[in-house]
Structures are given as structure tokens and as C-alpha cells.
Amino acid sequence: MTISDHIFQLLKERGMSQKEFSEATGIAQGAISDWKRKRTNPSADKILIISETLGVDPSVLLSGKTTESKKAKSTDYMILSSGSEEKFLVETYQDMDVDSRKRLMEYAKRLSNEK
């Protein structure tokens, strides 16, 4: 399987459309369609944002090995209820630019230290 095959398998497992994936990653829908239609792979600079969006280690995209594989790195997964505050926070975080994400993480760290 190609990297793009792994991506589309993960999209299917997560019930995520190509449009939703495009919006979450900032990757053009045409590029995503090309991966599927022409069986090409995303460029290396896209792998990290794709793996982050899909909630998998980059090695899963590159090798297709899941946490059930002996050689795969362990990856934590979280199931979030639709409409929950937690899901809203994760989706909001995913929609942020890198600087906003850093600021939010610093804020969260400070809040957690106040306990």
C-alpha cells in the first residue's frame, strides 16, 4: 500500500470526508483527489500535518503498521463524543496556526499548574 492508501484508509475509519480533511490540514482538495486518483503520495512537508490531523504517528502513514504491529511505535488514541467540549477543543486546536497552538498550550500548562 502507498502512503495515500494509508491516508484514505484512516479517513474511512474516522468517517472523515476529503473536504473535512482538506479543511483540517489546509491541503487543497485537488491535491488530495490526485493522491487517490493517480495513486501518488503527498510531499514530505505534508506528512506531519496529515499525521497530526489523523491522530497517528508518521510511521503509520509511511509503513502502514498500526499499534498492533510488533515493530510499530505506540500511539495513544482518544475517542471523543460528537458535540462534546473535548471534541470542540481538539477541533479548534487543529484549526489554529502554529503560533496560536503554542500560545494555547502555554496557557493550558499554566492553568494546570494552578491546581
N, C-alpha and C. Protein backbone atom coordinates (compact mmCIF):
# COMPACT_ATOMS: atom_id res chain seq x y z
N MET A 1 0.83 -1.19 0.00
CA MET A 1 0.00 0.00 0.00
C MET A 1 0.88 1.26 0.00
N THR A 2 0.39 2.29 -0.65
CA THR A 2 1.11 3.56 -0.69
C THR A 2 0.72 4.40 0.53
N ILE A 3 1.46 5.48 0.73
CA ILE A 3 1.12 6.40 1.82
C ILE A 3 -0.31 6.91 1.64
N SER A 4 -0.66 7.26 0.42
CA SER A 4 -2.00 7.77 0.18
C SER A 4 -3.05 6.71 0.48
N ASP A 5 -2.76 5.44 0.20
CA ASP A 5 -3.69 4.36 0.55
C ASP A 5 -3.92 4.34 2.06
N HIS A 6 -2.85 4.50 2.82
CA HIS A 6 -2.97 4.51 4.28
C HIS A 6 -3.81 5.70 4.73
N ILE A 7 -3.60 6.85 4.10
CA ILE A 7 -4.36 8.06 4.45
C ILE A 7 -5.85 7.83 4.22
N PHE A 8 -6.21 7.29 3.06
CA PHE A 8 -7.62 7.10 2.75
C PHE A 8 -8.25 6.01 3.62
N GLN A 9 -7.47 5.04 4.01
CA GLN A 9 -7.96 4.02 4.94
C GLN A 9 -8.28 4.68 6.29
N LEU A 10 -7.38 5.53 6.76
CA LEU A 10 -7.59 6.23 8.03
C LEU A 10 -8.78 7.20 7.96
N LEU A 11 -8.92 7.88 6.82
CA LEU A 11 -10.08 8.77 6.65
C LEU A 11 -11.38 7.98 6.76
N LYS A 12 -11.40 6.83 6.12
CA LYS A 12 -12.59 5.98 6.15
C LYS A 12 -12.88 5.52 7.58
N GLU A 13 -11.85 5.07 8.29
CA GLU A 13 -12.01 4.61 9.67
C GLU A 13 -12.55 5.71 10.57
N ARG A 14 -12.18 6.95 10.29
CA ARG A 14 -12.59 8.08 11.13
C ARG A 14 -13.88 8.74 10.64
N GLY A 15 -14.39 8.27 9.51
CA GLY A 15 -15.61 8.86 8.97
C GLY A 15 -15.41 10.30 8.53
N MET A 16 -14.20 10.61 8.07
CA MET A 16 -13.86 11.98 7.67
C MET A 16 -13.89 12.07 6.14
N SER A 17 -14.56 13.07 5.63
CA SER A 17 -14.61 13.27 4.18
C SER A 17 -13.31 13.94 3.70
N GLN A 18 -13.08 13.87 2.40
CA GLN A 18 -11.91 14.53 1.83
C GLN A 18 -12.00 16.04 2.04
N LYS A 19 -13.21 16.58 1.98
CA LYS A 19 -13.38 18.02 2.19
C LYS A 19 -13.02 18.39 3.63
N GLU A 20 -13.51 17.62 4.60
CA GLU A 20 -13.19 17.89 6.01
C GLU A 20 -11.68 17.78 6.24
N PHE A 21 -11.08 16.77 5.62
CA PHE A 21 -9.64 16.56 5.74
C PHE A 21 -8.88 17.74 5.14
N SER A 22 -9.35 18.21 4.00
CA SER A 22 -8.73 19.37 3.35
C SER A 22 -8.80 20.60 4.25
N GLU A 23 -9.96 20.83 4.84
CA GLU A 23 -10.13 21.99 5.72
C GLU A 23 -9.26 21.88 6.97
N ALA A 24 -9.16 20.67 7.51
CA ALA A 24 -8.38 20.46 8.74
C ALA A 24 -6.88 20.60 8.52
N THR A 25 -6.42 20.21 7.32
CA THR A 25 -4.98 20.23 7.04
C THR A 25 -4.52 21.47 6.29
N GLY A 26 -5.45 22.12 5.59
CA GLY A 26 -5.08 23.24 4.73
C GLY A 26 -4.51 22.78 3.40
N ILE A 27 -4.66 21.50 3.10
CA ILE A 27 -4.19 20.95 1.82
C ILE A 27 -5.34 21.03 0.82
N ALA A 28 -5.05 21.49 -0.38
CA ALA A 28 -6.07 21.66 -1.40
C ALA A 28 -6.78 20.35 -1.72
N GLN A 29 -8.09 20.44 -1.91
CA GLN A 29 -8.88 19.25 -2.24
C GLN A 29 -8.38 18.58 -3.52
N GLY A 30 -7.92 19.40 -4.47
CA GLY A 30 -7.42 18.85 -5.73
C GLY A 30 -6.20 17.97 -5.51
N ALA A 31 -5.32 18.38 -4.60
CA ALA A 31 -4.13 17.58 -4.29
C ALA A 31 -4.52 16.26 -3.66
N ILE A 32 -5.50 16.31 -2.76
CA ILE A 32 -5.96 15.09 -2.10
C ILE A 32 -6.61 14.16 -3.11
N SER A 33 -7.40 14.71 -4.01
CA SER A 33 -8.03 13.90 -5.06
C SER A 33 -6.97 13.26 -5.96
N ASP A 34 -5.91 14.01 -6.26
CA ASP A 34 -4.83 13.47 -7.08
C ASP A 34 -4.17 12.27 -6.40
N TRP A 35 -4.00 12.34 -5.08
CA TRP A 35 -3.39 11.22 -4.37
C TRP A 35 -4.22 9.96 -4.60
N LYS A 36 -5.54 10.12 -4.55
CA LYS A 36 -6.42 8.96 -4.68
C LYS A 36 -6.51 8.50 -6.14
N ARG A 37 -6.72 9.43 -7.03
CA ARG A 37 -6.94 9.10 -8.43
C ARG A 37 -5.67 8.61 -9.12
N LYS A 38 -4.58 9.32 -8.89
CA LYS A 38 -3.33 8.98 -9.57
C LYS A 38 -2.43 8.08 -8.74
N ARG A 39 -2.91 7.75 -7.52
CA ARG A 39 -2.15 6.90 -6.60
C ARG A 39 -0.75 7.47 -6.35
N THR A 40 -0.72 8.80 -6.17
CA THR A 40 0.53 9.47 -5.82
C THR A 40 0.54 9.71 -4.32
N ASN A 41 1.66 10.13 -3.81
CA ASN A 41 1.80 10.38 -2.38
C ASN A 41 1.99 11.86 -2.08
N PRO A 42 1.60 12.28 -0.88
CA PRO A 42 1.83 13.68 -0.51
C PRO A 42 3.32 13.95 -0.36
N SER A 43 3.69 15.20 -0.50
CA SER A 43 5.09 15.57 -0.33
C SER A 43 5.47 15.43 1.14
N ALA A 44 6.76 15.31 1.38
CA ALA A 44 7.27 15.08 2.73
C ALA A 44 6.85 16.17 3.71
N ASP A 45 6.74 17.41 3.24
CA ASP A 45 6.38 18.50 4.15
C ASP A 45 4.94 18.42 4.64
N LYS A 46 4.13 17.57 4.03
CA LYS A 46 2.73 17.42 4.43
C LYS A 46 2.52 16.28 5.43
N ILE A 47 3.48 15.38 5.56
CA ILE A 47 3.31 14.18 6.39
C ILE A 47 3.00 14.52 7.84
N LEU A 48 3.69 15.48 8.43
CA LEU A 48 3.46 15.80 9.84
C LEU A 48 2.07 16.36 10.09
N ILE A 49 1.61 17.28 9.24
CA ILE A 49 0.28 17.85 9.44
C ILE A 49 -0.79 16.78 9.20
N ILE A 50 -0.55 15.88 8.25
CA ILE A 50 -1.51 14.81 7.98
C ILE A 50 -1.57 13.86 9.18
N SER A 51 -0.41 13.45 9.68
CA SER A 51 -0.40 12.52 10.81
C SER A 51 -1.01 13.17 12.06
N GLU A 52 -0.76 14.45 12.25
CA GLU A 52 -1.35 15.16 13.39
C GLU A 52 -2.87 15.23 13.26
N THR A 53 -3.34 15.56 12.07
CA THR A 53 -4.78 15.66 11.83
C THR A 53 -5.48 14.32 12.02
N LEU A 54 -4.83 13.25 11.56
CA LEU A 54 -5.43 11.92 11.66
C LEU A 54 -5.15 11.25 13.00
N GLY A 55 -4.32 11.88 13.82
CA GLY A 55 -4.05 11.34 15.14
C GLY A 55 -3.22 10.07 15.14
N VAL A 56 -2.28 9.99 14.19
CA VAL A 56 -1.41 8.82 14.13
C VAL A 56 0.05 9.26 14.07
N ASP A 57 0.92 8.36 14.43
CA ASP A 57 2.35 8.60 14.31
C ASP A 57 2.70 8.61 12.82
N PRO A 58 3.63 9.46 12.40
CA PRO A 58 4.00 9.47 10.98
C PRO A 58 4.41 8.09 10.45
N SER A 59 4.96 7.23 11.32
CA SER A 59 5.37 5.90 10.87
C SER A 59 4.18 5.08 10.39
N VAL A 60 2.98 5.37 10.92
CA VAL A 60 1.78 4.66 10.45
C VAL A 60 1.51 5.02 9.00
N LEU A 61 1.67 6.29 8.66
CA LEU A 61 1.46 6.71 7.26
C LEU A 61 2.51 6.10 6.35
N LEU A 62 3.74 6.10 6.82
CA LEU A 62 4.85 5.65 5.98
C LEU A 62 4.89 4.14 5.82
N SER A 63 4.56 3.42 6.88
CA SER A 63 4.69 1.97 6.82
C SER A 63 3.36 1.23 6.82
N GLY A 64 2.33 1.89 7.31
CA GLY A 64 1.04 1.23 7.43
C GLY A 64 0.92 0.36 8.66
N LYS A 65 1.99 0.30 9.45
CA LYS A 65 1.97 -0.51 10.66
C LYS A 65 1.18 0.20 11.74
N THR A 66 0.30 -0.53 12.35
CA THR A 66 -0.51 0.04 13.43
C THR A 66 0.10 -0.35 14.76
N THR A 67 -0.52 0.10 15.81
CA THR A 67 -0.02 -0.22 17.16
C THR A 67 -0.11 -1.71 17.43
N GLU A 68 -0.88 -2.44 16.62
CA GLU A 68 -0.97 -3.88 16.81
C GLU A 68 0.25 -4.59 16.23
N SER A 69 1.01 -3.91 15.37
CA SER A 69 2.20 -4.49 14.79
C SER A 69 3.32 -4.50 15.82
N LYS A 70 4.13 -5.52 15.81
CA LYS A 70 5.21 -5.63 16.79
C LYS A 70 6.22 -4.51 16.65
N LYS A 71 6.48 -4.06 15.45
CA LYS A 71 7.51 -3.05 15.22
C LYS A 71 6.97 -1.61 15.29
N ALA A 72 5.68 -1.46 15.41
CA ALA A 72 5.10 -0.11 15.40
C ALA A 72 5.35 0.59 16.73
N LYS A 73 5.49 1.90 16.65
CA LYS A 73 5.62 2.70 17.87
C LYS A 73 4.24 2.78 18.51
N SER A 74 4.22 2.91 19.81
CA SER A 74 2.92 3.02 20.48
C SER A 74 2.35 4.41 20.22
N THR A 75 1.07 4.45 19.97
CA THR A 75 0.36 5.69 19.73
C THR A 75 -0.88 5.70 20.61
N ASP A 76 -1.12 6.80 21.28
CA ASP A 76 -2.30 6.91 22.10
C ASP A 76 -3.45 7.41 21.24
N TYR A 77 -4.62 6.85 21.48
CA TYR A 77 -5.81 7.27 20.78
C TYR A 77 -6.85 7.70 21.79
N MET A 78 -7.69 8.61 21.38
CA MET A 78 -8.74 9.08 22.25
C MET A 78 -10.02 9.14 21.44
N ILE A 79 -11.08 8.62 22.01
CA ILE A 79 -12.38 8.70 21.36
C ILE A 79 -13.15 9.83 22.01
N LEU A 80 -13.62 10.75 21.19
CA LEU A 80 -14.33 11.92 21.69
C LEU A 80 -15.77 11.87 21.21
N SER A 81 -16.68 12.15 22.09
CA SER A 81 -18.10 12.16 21.74
C SER A 81 -18.42 13.35 20.85
N SER A 82 -19.25 13.09 19.87
CA SER A 82 -19.68 14.16 18.97
C SER A 82 -20.40 15.23 19.78
N GLY A 83 -20.04 16.47 19.55
CA GLY A 83 -20.67 17.58 20.24
C GLY A 83 -20.12 17.86 21.63
N SER A 84 -19.12 17.09 22.06
CA SER A 84 -18.56 17.30 23.40
C SER A 84 -17.62 18.50 23.41
N GLU A 85 -17.39 19.03 24.60
CA GLU A 85 -16.46 20.15 24.74
C GLU A 85 -15.05 19.73 24.36
N GLU A 86 -14.70 18.48 24.71
CA GLU A 86 -13.37 17.98 24.39
C GLU A 86 -13.15 17.93 22.88
N LYS A 87 -14.15 17.46 22.15
CA LYS A 87 -14.03 17.41 20.69
C LYS A 87 -13.92 18.82 20.12
N PHE A 88 -14.71 19.74 20.66
CA PHE A 88 -14.63 21.13 20.22
C PHE A 88 -13.23 21.68 20.43
N LEU A 89 -12.64 21.41 21.60
CA LEU A 89 -11.29 21.90 21.88
C LEU A 89 -10.27 21.32 20.89
N VAL A 90 -10.36 20.02 20.63
CA VAL A 90 -9.42 19.39 19.71
C VAL A 90 -9.58 19.96 18.31
N GLU A 91 -10.80 20.09 17.86
CA GLU A 91 -11.04 20.63 16.51
C GLU A 91 -10.60 22.09 16.41
N THR A 92 -10.84 22.86 17.46
CA THR A 92 -10.40 24.25 17.47
C THR A 92 -8.89 24.32 17.40
N TYR A 93 -8.23 23.49 18.18
CA TYR A 93 -6.76 23.42 18.17
C TYR A 93 -6.25 23.07 16.77
N GLN A 94 -6.87 22.10 16.13
CA GLN A 94 -6.43 21.68 14.80
C GLN A 94 -6.59 22.78 13.76
N ASP A 95 -7.56 23.67 13.98
CA ASP A 95 -7.80 24.76 13.03
C ASP A 95 -6.86 25.95 13.24
N MET A 96 -6.12 25.94 14.34
CA MET A 96 -5.24 27.07 14.66
C MET A 96 -3.93 27.01 13.89
N ASP A 97 -3.33 28.18 13.71
CA ASP A 97 -1.98 28.21 13.15
C ASP A 97 -0.99 27.83 14.25
N VAL A 98 0.25 27.60 13.88
CA VAL A 98 1.27 27.11 14.81
C VAL A 98 1.46 28.04 16.00
N ASP A 99 1.52 29.33 15.76
CA ASP A 99 1.73 30.29 16.86
C ASP A 99 0.57 30.26 17.85
N SER A 100 -0.65 30.20 17.34
CA SER A 100 -1.81 30.14 18.23
C SER A 100 -1.81 28.85 19.04
N ARG A 101 -1.40 27.76 18.42
CA ARG A 101 -1.31 26.49 19.15
C ARG A 101 -0.31 26.58 20.29
N LYS A 102 0.83 27.19 20.02
CA LYS A 102 1.86 27.35 21.07
C LYS A 102 1.32 28.18 22.23
N ARG A 103 0.64 29.28 21.91
CA ARG A 103 0.09 30.14 22.96
C ARG A 103 -0.95 29.40 23.78
N LEU A 104 -1.80 28.64 23.11
CA LEU A 104 -2.83 27.87 23.81
C LEU A 104 -2.20 26.82 24.73
N MET A 105 -1.17 26.15 24.26
CA MET A 105 -0.50 25.13 25.08
C MET A 105 0.15 25.77 26.30
N GLU A 106 0.76 26.92 26.14
CA GLU A 106 1.36 27.61 27.28
C GLU A 106 0.28 28.00 28.30
N TYR A 107 -0.83 28.47 27.80
CA TYR A 107 -1.95 28.84 28.68
C TYR A 107 -2.45 27.61 29.44
N ALA A 108 -2.62 26.50 28.72
CA ALA A 108 -3.10 25.26 29.34
C ALA A 108 -2.11 24.77 30.40
N LYS A 109 -0.82 24.86 30.11
CA LYS A 109 0.20 24.45 31.09
C LYS A 109 0.12 25.31 32.35
N ARG A 110 -0.05 26.60 32.17
CA ARG A 110 -0.16 27.49 33.33
C ARG A 110 -1.40 27.18 34.15
N LEU A 111 -2.52 26.94 33.47
CA LEU A 111 -3.75 26.60 34.19
C LEU A 111 -3.61 25.29 34.96
N SER A 112 -2.96 24.31 34.36
CA SER A 112 -2.82 23.01 35.03
C SER A 112 -1.88 23.12 36.24
N ASN A 113 -0.98 24.06 36.23
CA ASN A 113 -0.07 24.27 37.36
C ASN A 113 -0.74 24.99 38.52
N GLU A 114 -1.89 25.62 38.27
CA GLU A 114 -2.59 26.35 39.31
C GLU A 114 -3.35 25.45 40.26
N LYS A 115 -3.50 24.20 39.95
CA LYS A 115 -4.28 23.26 40.78
C LYS A 115 -3.75 23.15 42.16
